[in-house]
Amino acid sequence: MRIMITGAAGQLGNELISILESGKAEIGLIDGVYGNTQIIPADIDNFDISDMDSTRTFIKNAKPDIIINCAAMTNVDGCETARDVAFKVNALGVRNLAICAKEVDAKLIHISTDYVFAGNGNRPYCEWDMINPQSAYGASKALGEKYALTFSDKTFIVRTSWLYGYVGKNFVKTVRRVIKEKGSITVVNDQRGNPTNANDLAFHILKIAKTEHYGIYHCTGEGECSWFEFAQRIAEYSGYDKGVVSPCSSDEYKSPTKRPAYSSLENMALKCGVGNEMRDWQTALKEYISKVKD
């Protein structure tokens, strides 16, 4: 089997490669079907997914059986000020991958986000709920989903949220760094969602990818919290007093981007299909912090 991973240098791409090479995740062993997998890492150094010619050439030469698209412009505020770039990467780039995946008869797994929803509900969003993005980031990702499903009939959409992994930048590392440097941190307490361990997500992506159960999946850590509660647990598991984390409102934080107030996701398709083994977010976070370096 040949698996191509775009955005291979990012936190999710890194976890996928690590799990495929070792044959196991923190949750457990991956399926034996991946035993002889040839990994084809791809990032901006290889080709730009927003350029159709270079995308087609790379994929035609690579001849992957599965393409896992972890490449994206994820800077939410940056997407507001550079909407053309967000559109090129998060929408046109996905269209290019989908078209080229179909040309070589490869499966496409595209990673999406909770930001495709309005974020104004009071219950976790299921896969069948109507999307209604409120930001340039969310809108570009929503269009990417549409393109993937339109141009490839072997597409999996995997929506996740509040992701953290062992490489690159993420909220967990930021909170730990700020507390260490300044002794305290202030975090919004009126936005709720699901913290997701990238190792757990990668494990489930591989569970999904070996099937032909195409469609939309939600894959996040079990349970929900506010960013403030998330930061409190990060401080606690890192050996600090929870009191070093102070709450504030979104209005006080003054973000230039409208962020979802409630974007918790329900892993319904996992539960009804391949099986939901996502860990409770606090359990996964505690193990992550026990392993991560300052």
Foldseek 3Di string as FASTA:
>chain_A
DEEEEEVLVDFLNVLLVVCLVVQAFPLGGADCVSVPYDYHYHYVVQHQLLDLVSLLVVCVVRLGQEYEYPDADPPQLVCQVCVVVRLSRQASSLLSNLQSCVVSVHAYEYEAELQQAQQPDDDADEQPDDGDHQGSNNVSNVNSVVSNVVRHVRYEYEYEDQEDGQDDDHDLVVLVVCCVVPVAEEFAFQAKEFHAYSSLVSSVVSLVRVDSPHDYFYAGAPDMGGSLVVSLLSQVLLPHHSVRYHYDHPVVVDRPGDDRSHRYHDGVCQVVDSHHPHHHRSVSSSVRSVPHDD
